[in-house]
Amino acid sequence: MREQPLRLLAGAAAGALATVADTEQWSDLRTRVAAALAPDLVDLVSARMDEARSRLVAVPRARLELARAEFTTEWRGSIHTMLWERPEAAGPLRAVLHDLGPALPRVAEDFAAGATAGR
């Protein structure tokens, strides 16, 4: 599997998590992403995501966008590492992103095309 599609998919997932971190959608998305990435370690991955989320939501409103960017950077790297170690998780993760809304499905499908082209 090519590197770039995994990196882009990781970035999309991290960005989606950062976007919903301070909403009621957090718990569902966190669990679904963790299950896609590490089905045997859902509780551990979810706990790590919750720790990062708690840092994000604790910042003053004026720093929220910077905190979202930092969260996204941190989790893009972590998700990329998990995808690199377990590339078969890319399909389930794309499916989670596809379910999020009308803007992400097209992007997630683009990742799928790139990911399968590199195999």
Protein backbone atom coordinates (compact mmCIF):
# COMPACT_ATOMS: atom_id res chain seq x y z
CA MET A 1 0.00 0.00 0.00
CA ARG A 2 1.34 3.42 -0.89
CA GLU A 3 2.34 5.84 1.84
CA GLN A 4 0.47 8.96 0.69
CA PRO A 5 -3.08 7.50 0.75
CA LEU A 6 -2.51 6.24 4.30
CA ARG A 7 -1.20 9.63 5.38
CA LEU A 8 -4.19 11.41 3.81
CA LEU A 9 -6.67 8.98 5.36
CA ALA A 10 -5.02 9.45 8.76
CA GLY A 11 -5.29 13.21 8.36
CA ALA A 12 -8.97 13.03 7.42
CA ALA A 13 -9.74 10.83 10.43
CA ALA A 14 -7.76 13.03 12.82
CA GLY A 15 -9.45 16.14 11.44
CA ALA A 16 -12.89 14.60 11.85
CA LEU A 17 -12.09 13.69 15.46
CA ALA A 18 -10.82 17.22 16.17
CA THR A 19 -13.95 18.71 14.65
CA VAL A 20 -16.33 16.76 16.88
CA ALA A 21 -14.17 16.74 20.03
CA ASP A 22 -16.37 19.26 21.82
CA THR A 23 -19.70 17.90 20.57
CA GLU A 24 -22.00 15.06 21.50
CA GLN A 25 -20.76 13.17 18.41
CA TRP A 26 -17.36 12.60 20.04
CA SER A 27 -18.10 9.35 21.86
CA ASP A 28 -19.59 7.59 18.84
CA LEU A 29 -16.89 8.70 16.40
CA ARG A 30 -14.06 7.95 18.85
CA THR A 31 -15.37 4.43 19.40
CA ARG A 32 -15.93 3.78 15.70
CA VAL A 33 -12.48 5.04 14.72
CA ALA A 34 -10.81 3.04 17.50
CA ALA A 35 -12.72 -0.10 16.46
CA ALA A 36 -11.71 0.35 12.83
CA LEU A 37 -8.06 0.92 13.66
CA ALA A 38 -7.52 -1.57 16.49
CA PRO A 39 -10.44 -3.93 17.08
CA ASP A 40 -8.54 -5.77 19.82
CA LEU A 41 -7.50 -2.55 21.59
CA VAL A 42 -10.64 -0.38 21.38
CA ASP A 43 -10.61 0.52 25.08
CA LEU A 44 -6.93 1.47 25.07
CA VAL A 45 -7.12 3.55 21.89
CA SER A 46 -10.36 5.19 23.08
CA ALA A 47 -8.74 6.09 26.40
CA ARG A 48 -5.77 7.69 24.61
CA MET A 49 -8.15 9.66 22.40
CA ASP A 50 -10.12 10.78 25.46
CA GLU A 51 -6.90 12.03 27.09
CA ALA A 52 -6.07 14.10 24.02
CA ARG A 53 -9.65 15.35 23.82
CA SER A 54 -9.59 16.47 27.45
CA ARG A 55 -6.56 18.65 26.70
CA LEU A 56 -8.33 20.12 23.67
CA VAL A 57 -11.59 20.99 25.38
CA ALA A 58 -9.80 22.48 28.40
CA VAL A 59 -8.20 25.31 26.45
CA PRO A 60 -9.70 28.80 26.45
CA ARG A 61 -12.05 29.52 23.55
CA ALA A 62 -9.47 31.91 22.05
CA ARG A 63 -7.00 29.00 21.64
CA LEU A 64 -9.50 26.41 20.46
CA GLU A 65 -8.48 26.44 16.79
CA LEU A 66 -4.82 26.05 17.71
CA ALA A 67 -5.73 23.21 20.08
CA ARG A 68 -7.72 21.52 17.27
CA ALA A 69 -4.70 21.82 14.98
CA GLU A 70 -2.42 20.31 17.62
CA PHE A 71 -4.88 17.47 18.25
CA THR A 72 -5.09 16.82 14.50
CA THR A 73 -1.31 16.72 14.15
CA GLU A 74 -0.92 14.37 17.11
CA TRP A 75 -3.62 12.00 15.95
CA ARG A 76 -2.67 12.11 12.27
CA GLY A 77 0.66 10.62 13.30
CA SER A 78 -0.86 8.04 15.63
CA ILE A 79 -3.52 6.97 13.15
CA HIS A 80 -0.96 6.81 10.34
CA THR A 81 1.22 4.52 12.46
CA MET A 82 -1.74 2.25 13.21
CA LEU A 83 -2.67 2.13 9.51
CA TRP A 84 0.91 1.41 8.52
CA GLU A 85 1.04 -1.50 10.97
CA ARG A 86 -2.41 -2.74 9.98
CA PRO A 87 -3.24 -1.53 6.44
CA GLU A 88 -6.39 -3.64 6.30
CA ALA A 89 -7.91 -1.10 8.72
CA ALA A 90 -8.01 1.49 5.91
CA GLY A 91 -11.27 0.12 4.48
CA PRO A 92 -13.19 0.15 7.77
CA LEU A 93 -11.80 3.60 8.60
CA ARG A 94 -12.89 4.95 5.21
CA ALA A 95 -16.37 3.51 5.89
CA VAL A 96 -16.53 5.38 9.21
CA LEU A 97 -15.56 8.64 7.50
CA HIS A 98 -18.04 7.96 4.71
CA ASP A 99 -20.85 7.80 7.27
CA LEU A 100 -19.94 11.21 8.74
CA GLY A 101 -21.49 13.41 6.15
CA PRO A 102 -21.66 14.61 2.59
CA ALA A 103 -18.24 16.32 2.50
CA LEU A 104 -16.12 13.36 3.64
CA PRO A 105 -17.40 10.48 1.48
CA ARG A 106 -15.94 11.81 -1.74
CA VAL A 107 -12.58 12.41 -0.07
CA ALA A 108 -12.63 9.00 1.61
CA GLU A 109 -13.40 7.35 -1.74
CA ASP A 110 -10.48 9.21 -3.30
CA PHE A 111 -8.26 7.70 -0.59
CA ALA A 112 -9.63 4.27 -1.39
CA ALA A 113 -8.75 4.64 -5.05
CA GLY A 114 -5.24 5.78 -4.22
CA ALA A 115 -4.71 3.11 -1.60
CA THR A 116 -5.72 0.26 -3.88
CA ALA A 117 -3.75 1.67 -6.82
CA GLY A 118 -0.54 1.31 -4.84
CA ARG A 119 -0.99 -2.35 -3.95
